[in-house]
Amino acid sequence: MDLETLLERNYDELKDPWCKEEVLHYLYQNDSVKDKDALFVKRLTKVASHILQSEDSIETCILERLFYFNQEGARKIREGEIGEIKLNQFSLMKMEAHFYGHAGKVAEAIFKRTGIIAWGGVSYSSFMLAAKKNNDFESGYTCMSYSIAGDVAQDIFKKTGNIEWAKNAYEAKINAAKSVELFDPKHSAYEYGFAGEIAMEMFKSTKDVKLGEKAYYDYMKAADMIKELDQKHSAHCYGFAGDIAKRLFKRTKEKEWAQKAIDCYKQFDDFYRFYSPAIKRRLRKRVKSNIDQLGRQIKV
């Protein structure tokens, strides 16, 4: 069986035991795919991505080569070097987006292995490109690409302390949430919650009230969206929103934030009182203490 047939057979999943050996051999022996058509490159990189998921001992130099193969595939689509591919323009744009997505996965693997920030940045940029190129076609893929871009940016922020990467992570998570808000509100709510978590970290770091407000409203949106779909998760989002509102009250002295915190804490407490009365008693005690303390401060 020739390599092209093998790639076609194993495109959706690895079926043939010898496929991995053949693909890795090709990657070791070839440093360019410029003389190959875009369809061959797509199949090669897709099958290689399956191997990457199940094999973590691939040499870094080969991962770098695979990254550049994906970049070359995207370039071929972008510049019209498509050979005999019979696909409409929309399908070609999706293929280009998938090349960037695979490139992002490879770059992420190199970043996690080496800790080199530049590879993290390349991974983030690749996933963002994948999301933007596919924005009008596959909402699920777009959401996933934005979300992983946010994860990578957050990892870079943790390693560097550079607040700009936290901002990049936040925007990516917001975009992920918006991309599926109409089609998958439950997943969208989770992404809004992740965005709120990042905004909260930025608020703690910078003391910027606007970031605190973003965190509060993102958690509230998540809590409201998912209230009928995942009541426990919704309750915890209300709890986090309450914690942020409490911090904003301390920061601004505006009693409106104290009342918002009380309302959120009551939502949290209602869930555990009616659905899990024997669970989290210590946590409920802390929440009730916060409600009482904030109530007294409002009256002052």
C-alpha atoms as a PDB file:
ATOM      1  CA  MET A   1       0.000   0.000   0.000  1.00  0.00           C
ATOM      2  CA  ASP A   2       1.447   3.360  -1.010  1.00  0.00           C
ATOM      3  CA  LEU A   3       1.630   6.284   1.414  1.00  0.00           C
ATOM      4  CA  GLU A   4      -1.210   8.277  -0.177  1.00  0.00           C
ATOM      5  CA  THR A   5      -3.619   5.341   0.160  1.00  0.00           C
ATOM      6  CA  LEU A   6      -2.453   4.747   3.727  1.00  0.00           C
ATOM      7  CA  LEU A   7      -3.090   8.390   4.620  1.00  0.00           C
ATOM      8  CA  GLU A   8      -6.554   8.277   3.092  1.00  0.00           C
ATOM      9  CA  ARG A   9      -7.426   5.097   5.044  1.00  0.00           C
ATOM     10  CA  ASN A  10      -6.217   6.533   8.343  1.00  0.00           C
ATOM     11  CA  TYR A  11      -7.476  10.083   7.890  1.00  0.00           C
ATOM     12  CA  ASP A  12     -10.296   9.975  10.447  1.00  0.00           C
ATOM     13  CA  GLU A  13      -8.555   7.624  12.871  1.00  0.00           C
ATOM     14  CA  LEU A  14      -5.512   5.368  13.010  1.00  0.00           C
ATOM     15  CA  LYS A  15      -6.573   1.981  11.676  1.00  0.00           C
ATOM     16  CA  ASP A  16      -3.402   0.341  10.371  1.00  0.00           C
ATOM     17  CA  PRO A  17      -0.655  -0.514  12.916  1.00  0.00           C
ATOM     18  CA  TRP A  18       2.114   0.320  10.449  1.00  0.00           C
ATOM     19  CA  CYS A  19       0.700   3.750   9.582  1.00  0.00           C
ATOM     20  CA  LYS A  20       2.526   5.481  12.429  1.00  0.00           C
ATOM     21  CA  GLU A  21       5.896   4.082  11.333  1.00  0.00           C
ATOM     22  CA  GLU A  22       5.350   5.082   7.705  1.00  0.00           C
ATOM     23  CA  VAL A  23       4.266   8.643   8.535  1.00  0.00           C
ATOM     24  CA  LEU A  24       7.128   9.214  10.960  1.00  0.00           C
ATOM     25  CA  HIS A  25       9.562   7.821   8.398  1.00  0.00           C
ATOM     26  CA  TYR A  26       8.249  10.322   5.864  1.00  0.00           C
ATOM     27  CA  LEU A  27       8.646  13.177   8.337  1.00  0.00           C
ATOM     28  CA  TYR A  28      12.218  12.130   9.116  1.00  0.00           C
ATOM     29  CA  GLN A  29      13.159  11.802   5.439  1.00  0.00           C
ATOM     30  CA  ASN A  30      11.503  14.939   4.014  1.00  0.00           C
ATOM     31  CA  ASP A  31      12.084  18.514   5.119  1.00  0.00           C
ATOM     32  CA  SER A  32       9.596  20.088   2.703  1.00  0.00           C
ATOM     33  CA  VAL A  33       6.212  19.457   1.089  1.00  0.00           C
ATOM     34  CA  LYS A  34       6.476  22.233  -1.479  1.00  0.00           C
ATOM     35  CA  ASP A  35       6.324  19.693  -4.328  1.00  0.00           C
ATOM     36  CA  LYS A  36       3.172  18.031  -2.931  1.00  0.00           C
ATOM     37  CA  ASP A  37      -0.408  19.132  -3.540  1.00  0.00           C
ATOM     38  CA  ALA A  38      -2.527  20.585  -0.742  1.00  0.00           C
ATOM     39  CA  LEU A  39      -4.671  17.448  -0.382  1.00  0.00           C
ATOM     40  CA  PHE A  40      -1.637  15.246   0.284  1.00  0.00           C
ATOM     41  CA  VAL A  41      -0.344  17.747   2.856  1.00  0.00           C
ATOM     42  CA  LYS A  42      -3.762  17.874   4.526  1.00  0.00           C
ATOM     43  CA  ARG A  43      -3.938  14.105   4.848  1.00  0.00           C
ATOM     44  CA  LEU A  44      -0.350  13.855   6.028  1.00  0.00           C
ATOM     45  CA  THR A  45      -0.717  16.490   8.748  1.00  0.00           C
ATOM     46  CA  LYS A  46      -4.120  15.193   9.878  1.00  0.00           C
ATOM     47  CA  VAL A  47      -2.822  11.645  10.309  1.00  0.00           C
ATOM     48  CA  ALA A  48       0.304  13.031  11.990  1.00  0.00           C
ATOM     49  CA  SER A  49      -1.952  14.877  14.448  1.00  0.00           C
ATOM     50  CA  HIS A  50      -3.546  11.512  15.400  1.00  0.00           C
ATOM     51  CA  ILE A  51      -0.061  10.123  16.028  1.00  0.00           C
ATOM     52  CA  LEU A  52       0.877  13.164  18.106  1.00  0.00           C
ATOM     53  CA  GLN A  53      -2.114  12.558  20.382  1.00  0.00           C
ATOM     54  CA  SER A  54      -0.975   9.006  21.126  1.00  0.00           C
ATOM     55  CA  GLU A  55       2.792   9.449  21.000  1.00  0.00           C
ATOM     56  CA  ASP A  56       4.696  11.930  23.172  1.00  0.00           C
ATOM     57  CA  SER A  57       8.220  10.772  22.305  1.00  0.00           C
ATOM     58  CA  ILE A  58       8.397  12.327  18.833  1.00  0.00           C
ATOM     59  CA  GLU A  59      11.583  14.378  18.575  1.00  0.00           C
ATOM     60  CA  THR A  60      11.131  18.125  18.851  1.00  0.00           C
ATOM     61  CA  CYS A  61      12.860  18.708  15.512  1.00  0.00           C
ATOM     62  CA  ILE A  62      10.229  16.517  13.834  1.00  0.00           C
ATOM     63  CA  LEU A  63       7.426  18.414  15.572  1.00  0.00           C
ATOM     64  CA  GLU A  64       8.912  21.638  14.239  1.00  0.00           C
ATOM     65  CA  ARG A  65       8.943  20.137  10.746  1.00  0.00           C
ATOM     66  CA  LEU A  66       5.312  19.101  11.130  1.00  0.00           C
ATOM     67  CA  PHE A  67       4.431  22.651  12.186  1.00  0.00           C
ATOM     68  CA  TYR A  68       5.996  24.064   9.039  1.00  0.00           C
ATOM     69  CA  PHE A  69       4.240  21.450   6.887  1.00  0.00           C
ATOM     70  CA  ASN A  70       0.930  22.722   8.252  1.00  0.00           C
ATOM     71  CA  GLN A  71       1.973  26.291   7.541  1.00  0.00           C
ATOM     72  CA  GLU A  72       2.916  25.282   4.005  1.00  0.00           C
ATOM     73  CA  GLY A  73      -0.470  23.613   3.544  1.00  0.00           C
ATOM     74  CA  ALA A  74      -2.264  26.780   4.626  1.00  0.00           C
ATOM     75  CA  ARG A  75      -0.116  28.815   2.234  1.00  0.00           C
ATOM     76  CA  LYS A  76      -0.981  26.519  -0.678  1.00  0.00           C
ATOM     77  CA  ILE A  77      -4.701  27.032  -0.028  1.00  0.00           C
ATOM     78  CA  ARG A  78      -4.302  30.766   0.491  1.00  0.00           C
ATOM     79  CA  GLU A  79      -2.352  31.231  -2.744  1.00  0.00           C
ATOM     80  CA  GLY A  80      -4.470  28.898  -4.846  1.00  0.00           C
ATOM     81  CA  GLU A  81      -1.978  26.044  -5.195  1.00  0.00           C
ATOM     82  CA  ILE A  82      -4.681  23.399  -4.841  1.00  0.00           C
ATOM     83  CA  GLY A  83      -3.849  21.033  -7.693  1.00  0.00           C
ATOM     84  CA  GLU A  84      -6.812  18.850  -8.634  1.00  0.00           C
ATOM     85  CA  ILE A  85      -8.813  19.472  -5.441  1.00  0.00           C
ATOM     86  CA  LYS A  86     -12.494  19.895  -6.384  1.00  0.00           C
ATOM     87  CA  LEU A  87     -13.840  21.911  -3.450  1.00  0.00           C
ATOM     88  CA  ASN A  88     -15.839  25.124  -3.306  1.00  0.00           C
ATOM     89  CA  GLN A  89     -14.376  28.279  -1.784  1.00  0.00           C
ATOM     90  CA  PHE A  90     -16.046  27.726   1.582  1.00  0.00           C
ATOM     91  CA  SER A  91     -14.570  24.222   1.896  1.00  0.00           C
ATOM     92  CA  LEU A  92     -11.130  25.520   0.955  1.00  0.00           C
ATOM     93  CA  MET A  93     -11.367  28.185   3.667  1.00  0.00           C
ATOM     94  CA  LYS A  94     -12.302  25.490   6.186  1.00  0.00           C
ATOM     95  CA  MET A  95      -9.317  23.432   5.061  1.00  0.00           C
ATOM     96  CA  GLU A  96      -7.033  26.440   5.526  1.00  0.00           C
ATOM     97  CA  ALA A  97      -8.468  26.967   9.010  1.00  0.00           C
ATOM     98  CA  HIS A  98      -7.813  23.329   9.899  1.00  0.00           C
ATOM     99  CA  PHE A  99      -4.194  23.642   8.759  1.00  0.00           C
ATOM    100  CA  TYR A 100      -3.779  26.525  11.211  1.00  0.00           C
ATOM    101  CA  GLY A 101      -5.511  24.519  13.937  1.00  0.00           C
ATOM    102  CA  HIS A 102      -3.150  21.563  13.475  1.00  0.00           C
ATOM    103  CA  ALA A 103      -0.197  23.964  13.419  1.00  0.00           C
ATOM    104  CA  GLY A 104      -1.436  25.394  16.707  1.00  0.00           C
ATOM    105  CA  LYS A 105      -1.605  21.942  18.306  1.00  0.00           C
ATOM    106  CA  VAL A 106       1.939  21.122  17.230  1.00  0.00           C
ATOM    107  CA  ALA A 107       3.287  24.468  18.433  1.00  0.00           C
ATOM    108  CA  GLU A 108       1.460  23.982  21.752  1.00  0.00           C
ATOM    109  CA  ALA A 109       3.106  20.575  22.160  1.00  0.00           C
ATOM    110  CA  ILE A 110       6.542  22.127  21.537  1.00  0.00           C
ATOM    111  CA  PHE A 111       5.778  24.955  23.986  1.00  0.00           C
ATOM    112  CA  LYS A 112       4.730  22.532  26.734  1.00  0.00           C
ATOM    113  CA  ARG A 113       7.786  20.383  26.138  1.00  0.00           C
ATOM    114  CA  THR A 114      10.401  23.147  25.899  1.00  0.00           C
ATOM    115  CA  GLY A 115       8.873  26.063  27.782  1.00  0.00           C
ATOM    116  CA  ILE A 116       9.998  28.369  24.949  1.00  0.00           C
ATOM    117  CA  ILE A 117       7.617  31.340  25.045  1.00  0.00           C
ATOM    118  CA  ALA A 118       7.981  32.018  21.317  1.00  0.00           C
ATOM    119  CA  TRP A 119       6.381  28.655  20.534  1.00  0.00           C
ATOM    120  CA  GLY A 120       3.530  29.504  22.900  1.00  0.00           C
ATOM    121  CA  GLY A 121       3.012  32.743  21.004  1.00  0.00           C
ATOM    122  CA  VAL A 122       3.049  30.909  17.679  1.00  0.00           C
ATOM    123  CA  SER A 123       0.510  28.406  19.014  1.00  0.00           C
ATOM    124  CA  TYR A 124      -1.783  31.192  20.218  1.00  0.00           C
ATOM    125  CA  SER A 125      -1.567  33.009  16.866  1.00  0.00           C
ATOM    126  CA  SER A 126      -2.230  29.809  14.920  1.00  0.00           C
ATOM    127  CA  PHE A 127      -5.342  28.950  16.926  1.00  0.00           C
ATOM    128  CA  MET A 128      -6.621  32.520  16.595  1.00  0.00           C
ATOM    129  CA  LEU A 129      -6.145  32.329  12.816  1.00  0.00           C
ATOM    130  CA  ALA A 130      -7.952  28.979  12.724  1.00  0.00           C
ATOM    131  CA  ALA A 131     -10.897  30.495  14.598  1.00  0.00           C
ATOM    132  CA  LYS A 132     -11.125  33.615  12.456  1.00  0.00           C
ATOM    133  CA  LYS A 133     -10.790  31.733   9.165  1.00  0.00           C
ATOM    134  CA  ASN A 134     -13.568  29.344  10.193  1.00  0.00           C
ATOM    135  CA  ASN A 135     -15.804  31.811  11.982  1.00  0.00           C
ATOM    136  CA  ASP A 136     -18.678  31.610   9.479  1.00  0.00           C
ATOM    137  CA  PHE A 137     -18.657  27.856   8.895  1.00  0.00           C
ATOM    138  CA  GLU A 138     -18.140  25.688  11.978  1.00  0.00           C
ATOM    139  CA  SER A 139     -19.151  27.318  15.253  1.00  0.00           C
ATOM    140  CA  GLY A 140     -17.931  24.351  17.311  1.00  0.00           C
ATOM    141  CA  TYR A 141     -14.484  24.338  15.710  1.00  0.00           C
ATOM    142  CA  THR A 142     -14.295  28.117  16.012  1.00  0.00           C
ATOM    143  CA  CYS A 143     -15.172  27.941  19.709  1.00  0.00           C
ATOM    144  CA  MET A 144     -12.601  25.206  20.334  1.00  0.00           C
ATOM    145  CA  SER A 145      -9.879  27.182  18.523  1.00  0.00           C
ATOM    146  CA  TYR A 146     -10.585  30.379  20.447  1.00  0.00           C
ATOM    147  CA  SER A 147     -10.761  28.460  23.715  1.00  0.00           C
ATOM    148  CA  ILE A 148      -7.414  26.685  23.238  1.00  0.00           C
ATOM    149  CA  ALA A 149      -5.848  29.982  22.165  1.00  0.00           C
ATOM    150  CA  GLY A 150      -7.070  31.371  25.491  1.00  0.00           C
ATOM    151  CA  ASP A 151      -5.577  28.441  27.403  1.00  0.00           C
ATOM    152  CA  VAL A 152      -2.202  28.920  25.715  1.00  0.00           C
ATOM    153  CA  ALA A 153      -2.239  32.669  26.349  1.00  0.00           C
ATOM    154  CA  GLN A 154      -3.099  32.051  30.003  1.00  0.00           C
ATOM    155  CA  ASP A 155      -0.171  29.611  30.310  1.00  0.00           C
ATOM    156  CA  ILE A 156       2.150  32.269  28.841  1.00  0.00           C
ATOM    157  CA  PHE A 157       0.807  34.807  31.331  1.00  0.00           C
ATOM    158  CA  LYS A 158       1.515  32.434  34.210  1.00  0.00           C
ATOM    159  CA  LYS A 159       5.074  31.911  32.978  1.00  0.00           C
ATOM    160  CA  THR A 160       5.868  35.552  32.181  1.00  0.00           C
ATOM    161  CA  GLY A 161       3.583  37.681  34.328  1.00  0.00           C
ATOM    162  CA  ASN A 162       2.977  39.839  31.246  1.00  0.00           C
ATOM    163  CA  ILE A 163      -0.536  41.242  31.657  1.00  0.00           C
ATOM    164  CA  GLU A 164      -0.940  41.558  27.875  1.00  0.00           C
ATOM    165  CA  TRP A 165      -1.103  37.773  27.634  1.00  0.00           C
ATOM    166  CA  ALA A 166      -3.834  37.698  30.266  1.00  0.00           C
ATOM    167  CA  LYS A 167      -5.749  40.216  28.144  1.00  0.00           C
ATOM    168  CA  ASN A 168      -5.229  37.998  25.093  1.00  0.00           C
ATOM    169  CA  ALA A 169      -6.500  35.004  27.060  1.00  0.00           C
ATOM    170  CA  TYR A 170      -9.573  36.942  28.181  1.00  0.00           C
ATOM    171  CA  GLU A 171     -10.480  38.122  24.676  1.00  0.00           C
ATOM    172  CA  ALA A 172     -10.035  34.610  23.281  1.00  0.00           C
ATOM    173  CA  LYS A 173     -12.374  33.136  25.910  1.00  0.00           C
ATOM    174  CA  ILE A 174     -14.977  35.850  25.275  1.00  0.00           C
ATOM    175  CA  ASN A 175     -14.809  35.116  21.548  1.00  0.00           C
ATOM    176  CA  ALA A 176     -15.190  31.396  22.291  1.00  0.00           C
ATOM    177  CA  ALA A 177     -18.298  32.106  24.365  1.00  0.00           C
ATOM    178  CA  LYS A 178     -19.872  34.363  21.752  1.00  0.00           C
ATOM    179  CA  SER A 179     -19.193  31.934  18.897  1.00  0.00           C
ATOM    180  CA  VAL A 180     -21.591  29.292  20.299  1.00  0.00           C
ATOM    181  CA  GLU A 181     -23.925  31.424  22.395  1.00  0.00           C
ATOM    182  CA  LEU A 182     -26.907  30.740  20.116  1.00  0.00           C
ATOM    183  CA  PHE A 183     -26.132  27.095  19.327  1.00  0.00           C
ATOM    184  CA  ASP A 184     -24.682  25.707  22.555  1.00  0.00           C
ATOM    185  CA  PRO A 185     -25.594  27.970  25.494  1.00  0.00           C
ATOM    186  CA  LYS A 186     -24.253  25.501  28.070  1.00  0.00           C
ATOM    187  CA  HIS A 187     -20.757  25.475  26.594  1.00  0.00           C
ATOM    188  CA  SER A 188     -20.968  29.215  25.996  1.00  0.00           C
ATOM    189  CA  ALA A 189     -21.717  29.718  29.682  1.00  0.00           C
ATOM    190  CA  TYR A 190     -18.656  27.702  30.673  1.00  0.00           C
ATOM    191  CA  GLU A 191     -16.499  29.887  28.425  1.00  0.00           C
ATOM    192  CA  TYR A 192     -17.965  33.063  29.949  1.00  0.00           C
ATOM    193  CA  GLY A 193     -17.068  31.607  33.326  1.00  0.00           C
ATOM    194  CA  PHE A 194     -13.471  30.996  32.203  1.00  0.00           C
ATOM    195  CA  ALA A 195     -13.345  34.583  30.941  1.00  0.00           C
ATOM    196  CA  GLY A 196     -14.598  35.782  34.323  1.00  0.00           C
ATOM    197  CA  GLU A 197     -11.869  33.801  36.072  1.00  0.00           C
ATOM    198  CA  ILE A 198      -9.174  35.440  33.933  1.00  0.00           C
ATOM    199  CA  ALA A 199     -10.652  38.918  34.430  1.00  0.00           C
ATOM    200  CA  MET A 200     -10.724  38.266  38.187  1.00  0.00           C
ATOM    201  CA  GLU A 201      -7.003  37.395  38.168  1.00  0.00           C
ATOM    202  CA  MET A 202      -6.247  40.581  36.246  1.00  0.00           C
ATOM    203  CA  PHE A 203      -8.346  42.588  38.705  1.00  0.00           C
ATOM    204  CA  LYS A 204      -6.430  41.132  41.648  1.00  0.00           C
ATOM    205  CA  SER A 205      -3.140  41.907  39.922  1.00  0.00           C
ATOM    206  CA  THR A 206      -3.874  45.431  38.677  1.00  0.00           C
ATOM    207  CA  LYS A 207      -6.647  46.646  41.036  1.00  0.00           C
ATOM    208  CA  ASP A 208      -8.325  48.026  37.901  1.00  0.00           C
ATOM    209  CA  VAL A 209     -12.031  48.375  38.748  1.00  0.00           C
ATOM    210  CA  LYS A 210     -13.045  47.977  35.107  1.00  0.00           C
ATOM    211  CA  LEU A 211     -11.488  44.518  35.058  1.00  0.00           C
ATOM    212  CA  GLY A 212     -13.359  43.646  38.231  1.00  0.00           C
ATOM    213  CA  GLU A 213     -16.589  44.762  36.616  1.00  0.00           C
ATOM    214  CA  LYS A 214     -15.850  42.583  33.576  1.00  0.00           C
ATOM    215  CA  ALA A 215     -15.265  39.605  35.836  1.00  0.00           C
ATOM    216  CA  TYR A 216     -18.522  40.235  37.698  1.00  0.00           C
ATOM    217  CA  TYR A 217     -20.659  40.573  34.580  1.00  0.00           C
ATOM    218  CA  ASP A 218     -19.041  37.558  32.874  1.00  0.00           C
ATOM    219  CA  TYR A 219     -19.763  35.358  35.889  1.00  0.00           C
ATOM    220  CA  MET A 220     -23.307  36.707  36.079  1.00  0.00           C
ATOM    221  CA  LYS A 221     -23.888  35.998  32.400  1.00  0.00           C
ATOM    222  CA  ALA A 222     -22.555  32.477  32.857  1.00  0.00           C
ATOM    223  CA  ALA A 223     -24.734  31.918  35.934  1.00  0.00           C
ATOM    224  CA  ASP A 224     -27.906  33.201  34.265  1.00  0.00           C
ATOM    225  CA  MET A 225     -27.314  31.306  31.011  1.00  0.00           C
ATOM    226  CA  ILE A 226     -26.744  27.953  32.659  1.00  0.00           C
ATOM    227  CA  LYS A 227     -29.253  28.212  35.506  1.00  0.00           C
ATOM    228  CA  GLU A 228     -31.675  25.674  34.007  1.00  0.00           C
ATOM    229  CA  LEU A 229     -28.949  23.487  32.470  1.00  0.00           C
ATOM    230  CA  ASP A 230     -26.454  23.038  35.309  1.00  0.00           C
ATOM    231  CA  GLN A 231     -27.785  24.439  38.577  1.00  0.00           C
ATOM    232  CA  LYS A 232     -24.711  23.605  40.626  1.00  0.00           C
ATOM    233  CA  HIS A 233     -22.356  25.317  38.190  1.00  0.00           C
ATOM    234  CA  SER A 234     -24.713  28.289  38.052  1.00  0.00           C
ATOM    235  CA  ALA A 235     -24.679  28.539  41.858  1.00  0.00           C
ATOM    236  CA  HIS A 236     -20.894  28.598  41.931  1.00  0.00           C
ATOM    237  CA  CYS A 237     -20.794  31.306  39.251  1.00  0.00           C
ATOM    238  CA  TYR A 238     -23.134  33.378  41.430  1.00  0.00           C
ATOM    239  CA  GLY A 239     -20.784  32.734  44.350  1.00  0.00           C
ATOM    240  CA  PHE A 240     -17.749  33.921  42.375  1.00  0.00           C
ATOM    241  CA  ALA A 241     -19.680  36.964  41.171  1.00  0.00           C
ATOM    242  CA  GLY A 242     -20.520  37.688  44.816  1.00  0.00           C
ATOM    243  CA  ASP A 243     -16.832  37.513  45.797  1.00  0.00           C
ATOM    244  CA  ILE A 244     -15.944  39.971  43.033  1.00  0.00           C
ATOM    245  CA  ALA A 245     -18.783  42.340  43.926  1.00  0.00           C
ATOM    246  CA  LYS A 246     -17.587  42.272  47.545  1.00  0.00           C
ATOM    247  CA  ARG A 247     -14.060  43.207  46.416  1.00  0.00           C
ATOM    248  CA  LEU A 248     -15.470  45.983  44.227  1.00  0.00           C
ATOM    249  CA  PHE A 249     -17.426  47.342  47.196  1.00  0.00           C
ATOM    250  CA  LYS A 250     -14.239  47.444  49.284  1.00  0.00           C
ATOM    251  CA  ARG A 251     -12.414  49.122  46.408  1.00  0.00           C
ATOM    252  CA  THR A 252     -15.045  51.700  45.426  1.00  0.00           C
ATOM    253  CA  LYS A 253     -17.124  52.069  48.644  1.00  0.00           C
ATOM    254  CA  GLU A 254     -20.207  52.049  46.410  1.00  0.00           C
ATOM    255  CA  LYS A 255     -23.075  50.387  48.273  1.00  0.00           C
ATOM    256  CA  GLU A 256     -24.540  49.158  44.997  1.00  0.00           C
ATOM    257  CA  TRP A 257     -21.739  46.609  44.835  1.00  0.00           C
ATOM    258  CA  ALA A 258     -22.455  45.452  48.372  1.00  0.00           C
ATOM    259  CA  GLN A 259     -26.081  44.815  47.419  1.00  0.00           C
ATOM    260  CA  LYS A 260     -25.018  42.959  44.268  1.00  0.00           C
ATOM    261  CA  ALA A 261     -22.736  40.777  46.386  1.00  0.00           C
ATOM    262  CA  ILE A 262     -25.587  39.997  48.812  1.00  0.00           C
ATOM    263  CA  ASP A 263     -27.927  39.078  45.935  1.00  0.00           C
ATOM    264  CA  CYS A 264     -25.309  36.747  44.449  1.00  0.00           C
ATOM    265  CA  TYR A 265     -24.558  35.075  47.760  1.00  0.00           C
ATOM    266  CA  LYS A 266     -28.270  34.476  48.302  1.00  0.00           C
ATOM    267  CA  GLN A 267     -28.495  32.746  44.924  1.00  0.00           C
ATOM    268  CA  PHE A 268     -25.573  30.541  45.908  1.00  0.00           C
ATOM    269  CA  ASP A 269     -27.058  29.755  49.317  1.00  0.00           C
ATOM    270  CA  ASP A 270     -30.476  28.947  47.841  1.00  0.00           C
ATOM    271  CA  PHE A 271     -29.025  26.151  45.744  1.00  0.00           C
ATOM    272  CA  TYR A 272     -27.286  24.435  48.648  1.00  0.00           C
ATOM    273  CA  ARG A 273     -30.204  24.965  51.001  1.00  0.00           C
ATOM    274  CA  PHE A 274     -32.703  23.280  48.679  1.00  0.00           C
ATOM    275  CA  TYR A 275     -30.542  20.798  46.775  1.00  0.00           C
ATOM    276  CA  SER A 276     -27.613  19.918  49.021  1.00  0.00           C
ATOM    277  CA  PRO A 277     -28.458  20.939  52.589  1.00  0.00           C
ATOM    278  CA  ALA A 278     -25.939  18.547  54.132  1.00  0.00           C
ATOM    279  CA  ILE A 279     -23.104  19.574  51.838  1.00  0.00           C
ATOM    280  CA  LYS A 280     -20.785  22.574  52.046  1.00  0.00           C
ATOM    281  CA  ARG A 281     -22.077  23.662  55.466  1.00  0.00           C
ATOM    282  CA  ARG A 282     -18.831  25.496  56.200  1.00  0.00           C
ATOM    283  CA  LEU A 283     -19.050  27.269  52.860  1.00  0.00           C
ATOM    284  CA  ARG A 284     -22.667  28.267  53.490  1.00  0.00           C
ATOM    285  CA  LYS A 285     -21.657  29.587  56.897  1.00  0.00           C
ATOM    286  CA  ARG A 286     -19.030  31.811  55.254  1.00  0.00           C
ATOM    287  CA  VAL A 287     -21.541  33.027  52.688  1.00  0.00           C
ATOM    288  CA  LYS A 288     -24.126  33.855  55.382  1.00  0.00           C
ATOM    289  CA  SER A 289     -21.442  35.710  57.319  1.00  0.00           C
ATOM    290  CA  ASN A 290     -20.659  37.763  54.215  1.00  0.00           C
ATOM    291  CA  ILE A 291     -24.350  38.548  53.722  1.00  0.00           C
ATOM    292  CA  ASP A 292     -24.722  39.727  57.331  1.00  0.00           C
ATOM    293  CA  GLN A 293     -21.506  41.769  57.233  1.00  0.00           C
ATOM    294  CA  LEU A 294     -22.378  43.467  53.931  1.00  0.00           C
ATOM    295  CA  GLY A 295     -25.929  44.113  55.129  1.00  0.00           C
ATOM    296  CA  ARG A 296     -24.605  45.980  58.168  1.00  0.00           C
ATOM    297  CA  GLN A 297     -22.238  48.026  56.020  1.00  0.00           C
ATOM    298  CA  ILE A 298     -25.043  49.065  53.673  1.00  0.00           C
ATOM    299  CA  LYS A 299     -27.006  50.451  56.629  1.00  0.00           C
ATOM    300  CA  VAL A 300     -24.116  52.583  57.854  1.00  0.00           C
END
